C-alpha atoms as a PDB file:
ATOM      1  CA  MET A   1     -28.263 -14.505 -10.649  1.00  0.00           C
ATOM      2  CA  THR A   2     -26.149 -11.967 -12.570  1.00  0.00           C
ATOM      3  CA  LYS A   3     -22.665 -11.774 -11.105  1.00  0.00           C
ATOM      4  CA  ALA A   4     -20.219  -8.894 -11.518  1.00  0.00           C
ATOM      5  CA  LYS A   5     -16.544  -8.657 -10.715  1.00  0.00           C
ATOM      6  CA  TYR A   6     -15.002  -5.270  -9.953  1.00  0.00           C
ATOM      7  CA  ILE A   7     -11.263  -4.749 -10.470  1.00  0.00           C
ATOM      8  CA  ARG A   8      -9.252  -1.614  -9.793  1.00  0.00           C
ATOM      9  CA  VAL A   9      -5.628  -1.331 -10.810  1.00  0.00           C
ATOM     10  CA  SER A  10      -3.674   1.800 -10.011  1.00  0.00           C
ATOM     11  CA  SER A  11      -1.742   2.118 -13.268  1.00  0.00           C
ATOM     12  CA  ILE A  12      -2.079   1.340 -16.972  1.00  0.00           C
ATOM     13  CA  GLY A  13       0.957  -0.943 -16.756  1.00  0.00           C
ATOM     14  CA  GLN A  14      -0.452  -3.026 -13.901  1.00  0.00           C
ATOM     15  CA  ASN A  15      -1.749  -6.387 -15.102  1.00  0.00           C
ATOM     16  CA  GLU A  16      -5.289  -7.332 -14.123  1.00  0.00           C
ATOM     17  CA  SER A  17      -5.433 -10.514 -16.263  1.00  0.00           C
ATOM     18  CA  ARG A  18      -5.020 -12.881 -13.293  1.00  0.00           C
ATOM     19  CA  GLN A  19      -8.269 -11.478 -11.872  1.00  0.00           C
ATOM     20  CA  LEU A  20     -10.370 -11.869 -15.049  1.00  0.00           C
ATOM     21  CA  ASP A  21     -13.360 -14.215 -14.981  1.00  0.00           C
ATOM     22  CA  ASP A  22     -15.394 -15.297 -18.030  1.00  0.00           C
ATOM     23  CA  ASN A  23     -18.380 -16.166 -15.818  1.00  0.00           C
ATOM     24  CA  CYS A  24     -18.826 -12.585 -14.570  1.00  0.00           C
ATOM     25  CA  LYS A  25     -19.617  -9.211 -16.044  1.00  0.00           C
ATOM     26  CA  MET A  26     -16.302  -7.370 -15.618  1.00  0.00           C
ATOM     27  CA  TYR A  27     -15.906  -3.774 -14.420  1.00  0.00           C
ATOM     28  CA  ILE A  28     -12.244  -2.716 -14.641  1.00  0.00           C
ATOM     29  CA  ASP A  29     -10.971   0.715 -13.575  1.00  0.00           C
ATOM     30  CA  LYS A  30      -7.375   1.830 -14.127  1.00  0.00           C
ATOM     31  CA  VAL A  31      -7.350   4.707 -11.643  1.00  0.00           C
ATOM     32  CA  SER A  32      -5.695   5.787  -8.425  1.00  0.00           C
ATOM     33  CA  GLY A  33      -7.076   4.316  -5.213  1.00  0.00           C
ATOM     34  CA  LYS A  34      -7.595   7.924  -4.072  1.00  0.00           C
ATOM     35  CA  THR A  35     -10.437   8.295  -6.576  1.00  0.00           C
ATOM     36  CA  PRO A  36     -13.814   7.762  -4.857  1.00  0.00           C
ATOM     37  CA  PHE A  37     -15.670   4.685  -6.119  1.00  0.00           C
ATOM     38  CA  ILE A  38     -18.532   6.720  -7.577  1.00  0.00           C
ATOM     39  CA  GLU A  39     -16.065   8.895  -9.575  1.00  0.00           C
ATOM     40  CA  ARG A  40     -14.409   5.870 -11.193  1.00  0.00           C
ATOM     41  CA  PRO A  41     -15.918   5.262 -14.664  1.00  0.00           C
ATOM     42  CA  GLU A  42     -16.541   1.540 -14.170  1.00  0.00           C
ATOM     43  CA  GLY A  43     -17.397   1.956 -10.480  1.00  0.00           C
ATOM     44  CA  ASN A  44     -20.121   4.396 -11.495  1.00  0.00           C
ATOM     45  CA  ASN A  45     -21.315   2.024 -14.257  1.00  0.00           C
ATOM     46  CA  LEU A  46     -21.558  -0.795 -11.718  1.00  0.00           C
ATOM     47  CA  ILE A  47     -23.641   1.363  -9.369  1.00  0.00           C
ATOM     48  CA  GLN A  48     -25.989   2.325 -12.218  1.00  0.00           C
ATOM     49  CA  ASP A  49     -26.377  -1.320 -13.279  1.00  0.00           C
ATOM     50  CA  ILE A  50     -27.239  -2.264  -9.692  1.00  0.00           C
ATOM     51  CA  LYS A  51     -29.839   0.527  -9.547  1.00  0.00           C
ATOM     52  CA  ASP A  52     -31.256  -0.746 -12.850  1.00  0.00           C
ATOM     53  CA  GLY A  53     -31.563  -4.269 -11.412  1.00  0.00           C
ATOM     54  CA  LYS A  54     -28.998  -5.787 -13.799  1.00  0.00           C
ATOM     55  CA  ILE A  55     -26.618  -7.106 -11.113  1.00  0.00           C
ATOM     56  CA  ASP A  56     -27.350  -9.029  -7.909  1.00  0.00           C
ATOM     57  CA  GLU A  57     -23.879 -10.253  -6.904  1.00  0.00           C
ATOM     58  CA  VAL A  58     -20.525  -8.411  -6.841  1.00  0.00           C
ATOM     59  CA  GLU A  59     -17.074  -9.800  -6.226  1.00  0.00           C
ATOM     60  CA  PHE A  60     -14.077  -7.756  -5.053  1.00  0.00           C
ATOM     61  CA  HIS A  61     -10.603  -9.244  -4.723  1.00  0.00           C
ATOM     62  CA  ALA A  62      -9.877  -7.276  -1.523  1.00  0.00           C
ATOM     63  CA  VAL A  63     -11.465  -4.587   0.655  1.00  0.00           C
ATOM     64  CA  GLU A  64      -8.829  -1.978  -0.269  1.00  0.00           C
ATOM     65  CA  ARG A  65      -9.882  -2.238  -3.946  1.00  0.00           C
ATOM     66  CA  ILE A  66     -13.279  -0.724  -3.066  1.00  0.00           C
ATOM     67  CA  GLY A  67     -12.672   2.749  -1.672  1.00  0.00           C
ATOM     68  CA  ARG A  68     -10.189   5.538  -1.150  1.00  0.00           C
ATOM     69  CA  ASN A  69     -10.796   5.462   2.620  1.00  0.00           C
ATOM     70  CA  ALA A  70     -12.854   3.607   5.229  1.00  0.00           C
ATOM     71  CA  TYR A  71     -15.808   5.993   4.824  1.00  0.00           C
ATOM     72  CA  ASP A  72     -15.935   5.475   1.048  1.00  0.00           C
ATOM     73  CA  SER A  73     -15.523   1.671   1.275  1.00  0.00           C
ATOM     74  CA  LEU A  74     -18.162   1.280   3.983  1.00  0.00           C
ATOM     75  CA  GLY A  75     -20.530   3.600   2.078  1.00  0.00           C
ATOM     76  CA  ILE A  76     -20.317   1.372  -1.020  1.00  0.00           C
ATOM     77  CA  ILE A  77     -20.828  -1.767   1.095  1.00  0.00           C
ATOM     78  CA  GLU A  78     -23.887  -0.143   2.740  1.00  0.00           C
ATOM     79  CA  PHE A  79     -25.287   0.710  -0.711  1.00  0.00           C
ATOM     80  CA  MET A  80     -24.845  -2.939  -1.745  1.00  0.00           C
ATOM     81  CA  LYS A  81     -26.507  -4.131   1.475  1.00  0.00           C
ATOM     82  CA  LYS A  82     -29.556  -1.868   0.996  1.00  0.00           C
ATOM     83  CA  ASN A  83     -29.930  -3.180  -2.554  1.00  0.00           C
ATOM     84  CA  LYS A  84     -29.645  -6.819  -1.354  1.00  0.00           C
ATOM     85  CA  ILE A  85     -26.501  -7.381  -3.444  1.00  0.00           C
ATOM     86  CA  GLN A  86     -24.448 -10.389  -2.410  1.00  0.00           C
ATOM     87  CA  VAL A  87     -20.864  -9.145  -1.968  1.00  0.00           C
ATOM     88  CA  THR A  88     -17.909 -11.521  -1.941  1.00  0.00           C
ATOM     89  CA  ILE A  89     -14.392 -10.530  -0.831  1.00  0.00           C
ATOM     90  CA  THR A  90     -12.348 -13.290  -2.465  1.00  0.00           C
ATOM     91  CA  ASN A  91      -9.070 -12.925  -0.547  1.00  0.00           C
ATOM     92  CA  LEU A  92     -11.035 -13.324   2.711  1.00  0.00           C
ATOM     93  CA  GLY A  93     -13.419 -16.003   1.460  1.00  0.00           C
ATOM     94  CA  LEU A  94     -16.327 -14.048   2.964  1.00  0.00           C
ATOM     95  CA  THR A  95     -19.776 -13.144   1.652  1.00  0.00           C
ATOM     96  CA  MET A  96     -22.065 -10.411   2.993  1.00  0.00           C
ATOM     97  CA  PHE A  97     -25.231 -12.511   3.203  1.00  0.00           C
ATOM     98  CA  LEU A  98     -25.505 -15.960   4.737  1.00  0.00           C
ATOM     99  CA  ASP A  99     -27.615 -18.727   3.146  1.00  0.00           C
ATOM    100  CA  ASN A 100     -30.541 -17.747   5.402  1.00  0.00           C
ATOM    101  CA  GLY A 101     -30.505 -14.196   3.977  1.00  0.00           C
ATOM    102  CA  LYS A 102     -29.099 -12.568   7.111  1.00  0.00           C
ATOM    103  CA  VAL A 103     -26.012 -10.359   7.085  1.00  0.00           C
ATOM    104  CA  ASN A 104     -22.837 -12.249   7.961  1.00  0.00           C
ATOM    105  CA  PRO A 105     -21.505 -10.607  11.184  1.00  0.00           C
ATOM    106  CA  MET A 106     -17.943 -11.748  10.374  1.00  0.00           C
ATOM    107  CA  PHE A 107     -18.160  -9.967   7.016  1.00  0.00           C
ATOM    108  CA  ASN A 108     -19.131  -6.681   8.720  1.00  0.00           C
ATOM    109  CA  VAL A 109     -16.287  -6.884  11.242  1.00  0.00           C
ATOM    110  CA  ALA A 110     -13.669  -7.849   8.649  1.00  0.00           C
ATOM    111  CA  VAL A 111     -14.672  -5.072   6.230  1.00  0.00           C
ATOM    112  CA  MET A 112     -14.671  -2.384   8.950  1.00  0.00           C
ATOM    113  CA  VAL A 113     -11.283  -3.442  10.324  1.00  0.00           C
ATOM    114  CA  LEU A 114      -9.582  -3.882   6.940  1.00  0.00           C
ATOM    115  CA  ALA A 115     -11.022  -0.661   5.471  1.00  0.00           C
ATOM    116  CA  SER A 116      -9.686   1.276   8.482  1.00  0.00           C
ATOM    117  CA  PHE A 117      -6.338  -0.526   8.262  1.00  0.00           C
ATOM    118  CA  ALA A 118      -6.014   0.259   4.533  1.00  0.00           C
ATOM    119  CA  GLU A 119      -6.773   3.939   5.199  1.00  0.00           C
ATOM    120  CA  THR A 120      -4.164   4.101   7.991  1.00  0.00           C
ATOM    121  CA  GLU A 121      -1.565   2.421   5.779  1.00  0.00           C
ATOM    122  CA  LYS A 122      -2.279   4.925   2.977  1.00  0.00           C
ATOM    123  CA  GLU A 123      -1.882   7.840   5.421  1.00  0.00           C
ATOM    124  CA  ASN A 124       1.429   6.385   6.665  1.00  0.00           C
ATOM    125  CA  MET A 125       2.651   6.015   3.080  1.00  0.00           C
ATOM    126  CA  GLU A 126       1.724   9.644   2.308  1.00  0.00           C
ATOM    127  CA  GLU A 127       3.522  10.774   5.468  1.00  0.00           C
ATOM    128  CA  ARG A 128       6.663   8.863   4.413  1.00  0.00           C
ATOM    129  CA  GLN A 129       6.390  10.507   0.988  1.00  0.00           C
ATOM    130  CA  ARG A 130       6.152  13.987   2.572  1.00  0.00           C
ATOM    131  CA  GLU A 131       9.178  13.219   4.737  1.00  0.00           C
ATOM    132  CA  GLY A 132      11.082  12.067   1.645  1.00  0.00           C
ATOM    133  CA  ILE A 133      10.212  15.325  -0.142  1.00  0.00           C
ATOM    134  CA  GLU A 134      11.420  17.389   2.838  1.00  0.00           C
ATOM    135  CA  ILE A 135      14.721  15.481   2.896  1.00  0.00           C
ATOM    136  CA  ALA A 136      15.098  15.962  -0.883  1.00  0.00           C
ATOM    137  CA  LYS A 137      14.432  19.713  -0.466  1.00  0.00           C
ATOM    138  CA  ILE A 138      17.114  19.954   2.224  1.00  0.00           C
ATOM    139  CA  LYS A 139      19.558  18.137  -0.060  1.00  0.00           C
ATOM    140  CA  GLY A 140      18.530  20.420  -2.948  1.00  0.00           C
ATOM    141  CA  VAL A 141      17.448  17.583  -5.225  1.00  0.00           C
ATOM    142  CA  TYR A 142      13.645  18.074  -5.102  1.00  0.00           C
ATOM    143  CA  LYS A 143      12.296  19.431  -8.380  1.00  0.00           C
ATOM    144  CA  GLY A 144       8.621  19.810  -7.390  1.00  0.00           C
ATOM    145  CA  ARG A 145       5.586  19.337  -9.615  1.00  0.00           C
ATOM    146  CA  LYS A 146       5.801  19.622 -13.376  1.00  0.00           C
ATOM    147  CA  ALA A 147       4.405  22.804 -14.885  1.00  0.00           C
ATOM    148  CA  GLY A 148       0.672  22.520 -15.474  1.00  0.00           C
ATOM    149  CA  ALA A 149       0.191  19.705 -12.946  1.00  0.00           C
ATOM    150  CA  ILE A 150      -2.165  21.839 -10.852  1.00  0.00           C
ATOM    151  CA  GLN A 151      -5.558  22.674 -12.379  1.00  0.00           C
ATOM    152  CA  SER A 152      -6.664  26.292 -12.659  1.00  0.00           C
ATOM    153  CA  ASP A 153     -10.153  27.225 -11.426  1.00  0.00           C
ATOM    154  CA  GLU A 154     -11.324  27.501 -15.041  1.00  0.00           C
ATOM    155  CA  GLN A 155      -9.996  24.012 -15.875  1.00  0.00           C
ATOM    156  CA  LEU A 156     -11.753  22.580 -12.812  1.00  0.00           C
ATOM    157  CA  LEU A 157     -15.071  24.193 -13.786  1.00  0.00           C
ATOM    158  CA  ASN A 158     -14.729  22.934 -17.373  1.00  0.00           C
ATOM    159  CA  ARG A 159     -13.923  19.432 -16.160  1.00  0.00           C
ATOM    160  CA  HIS A 160     -17.036  19.397 -13.966  1.00  0.00           C
ATOM    161  CA  SER A 161     -19.421  21.301 -16.242  1.00  0.00           C
ATOM    162  CA  ASP A 162     -22.257  18.903 -15.318  1.00  0.00           C
ATOM    163  CA  VAL A 163     -21.911  19.953 -11.666  1.00  0.00           C
ATOM    164  CA  VAL A 164     -21.866  23.645 -12.666  1.00  0.00           C
ATOM    165  CA  LYS A 165     -25.105  23.105 -14.630  1.00  0.00           C
ATOM    166  CA  HIS A 166     -26.884  21.765 -11.516  1.00  0.00           C
ATOM    167  CA  LEU A 167     -25.418  24.511  -9.303  1.00  0.00           C
ATOM    168  CA  LYS A 168     -26.776  27.133 -11.737  1.00  0.00           C
ATOM    169  CA  LEU A 169     -30.278  25.696 -11.348  1.00  0.00           C
ATOM    170  CA  GLY A 170     -29.919  25.863  -7.561  1.00  0.00           C
ATOM    171  CA  LYS A 171     -32.640  23.254  -7.002  1.00  0.00           C
ATOM    172  CA  ASN A 172     -30.633  20.356  -5.599  1.00  0.00           C
ATOM    173  CA  SER A 173     -28.584  19.719  -2.468  1.00  0.00           C
ATOM    174  CA  LEU A 174     -24.928  18.681  -2.753  1.00  0.00           C
ATOM    175  CA  ARG A 175     -25.902  15.068  -2.060  1.00  0.00           C
ATOM    176  CA  GLU A 176     -28.596  15.132  -4.767  1.00  0.00           C
ATOM    177  CA  ILE A 177     -26.121  16.608  -7.272  1.00  0.00           C
ATOM    178  CA  SER A 178     -23.694  13.834  -6.285  1.00  0.00           C
ATOM    179  CA  LEU A 179     -26.307  11.188  -7.139  1.00  0.00           C
ATOM    180  CA  LEU A 180     -27.244  12.940 -10.399  1.00  0.00           C
ATOM    181  CA  THR A 181     -23.668  13.387 -11.633  1.00  0.00           C
ATOM    182  CA  GLY A 182     -21.934  10.401 -10.019  1.00  0.00           C
ATOM    183  CA  LYS A 183     -19.345  12.713  -8.426  1.00  0.00           C
ATOM    184  CA  SER A 184     -18.384  12.957  -4.760  1.00  0.00           C
ATOM    185  CA  VAL A 185     -19.850  15.565  -2.436  1.00  0.00           C
ATOM    186  CA  ASN A 186     -16.297  16.860  -1.808  1.00  0.00           C
ATOM    187  CA  THR A 187     -15.777  17.468  -5.532  1.00  0.00           C
ATOM    188  CA  ILE A 188     -19.129  19.284  -5.773  1.00  0.00           C
ATOM    189  CA  ARG A 189     -18.248  21.379  -2.716  1.00  0.00           C
ATOM    190  CA  LYS A 190     -14.914  22.340  -4.327  1.00  0.00           C
ATOM    191  CA  VAL A 191     -16.660  23.341  -7.587  1.00  0.00           C
ATOM    192  CA  LYS A 192     -19.315  25.285  -5.663  1.00  0.00           C
ATOM    193  CA  LYS A 193     -16.668  27.230  -3.749  1.00  0.00           C
ATOM    194  CA  ILE A 194     -15.064  28.361  -7.032  1.00  0.00           C
ATOM    195  CA  TYR A 195     -18.293  28.886  -8.972  1.00  0.00           C
ATOM    196  CA  LEU A 196     -20.334  30.847  -6.406  1.00  0.00           C
END
């Protein structure tokens, strides 16, 4: 059995060394939790390796390390389930499949609840941030985004040139382009809106 361990840390300075494991193939992304799993470089590599039959067990430290929201997290778990990948959430001590090969009902419940909780907590944090910005604006101390922080349409199209290539051909649905490029349907929809 080939085991993988997926780690996501939100910043370059964050230390992932305590999560390293010499007995596993490691996939480590240093990206924001807002980035969909399939758009993370190592997340996408892990998915490809699963499709290629190279991995049959994946370990995550916690549910919130998987996706940017409940929909994304549960989608990745469903993908793993369909591919018969044994998933372990180490901080819960739970695995997806029981010894008899059946899906662990406690695993399903825990993942659904914690994925929803993580999404709610993220929304609350963003709301607190917005409130903080409004207060700073009232006090006259808010400086706003740095120049160049927002991408122009041209920059977005250049960044997602692979998506543009498939849109030009016009043969695939958004979901098919997502599978071909490893980018989220929302990203493809955004590119399509600008391109067409």
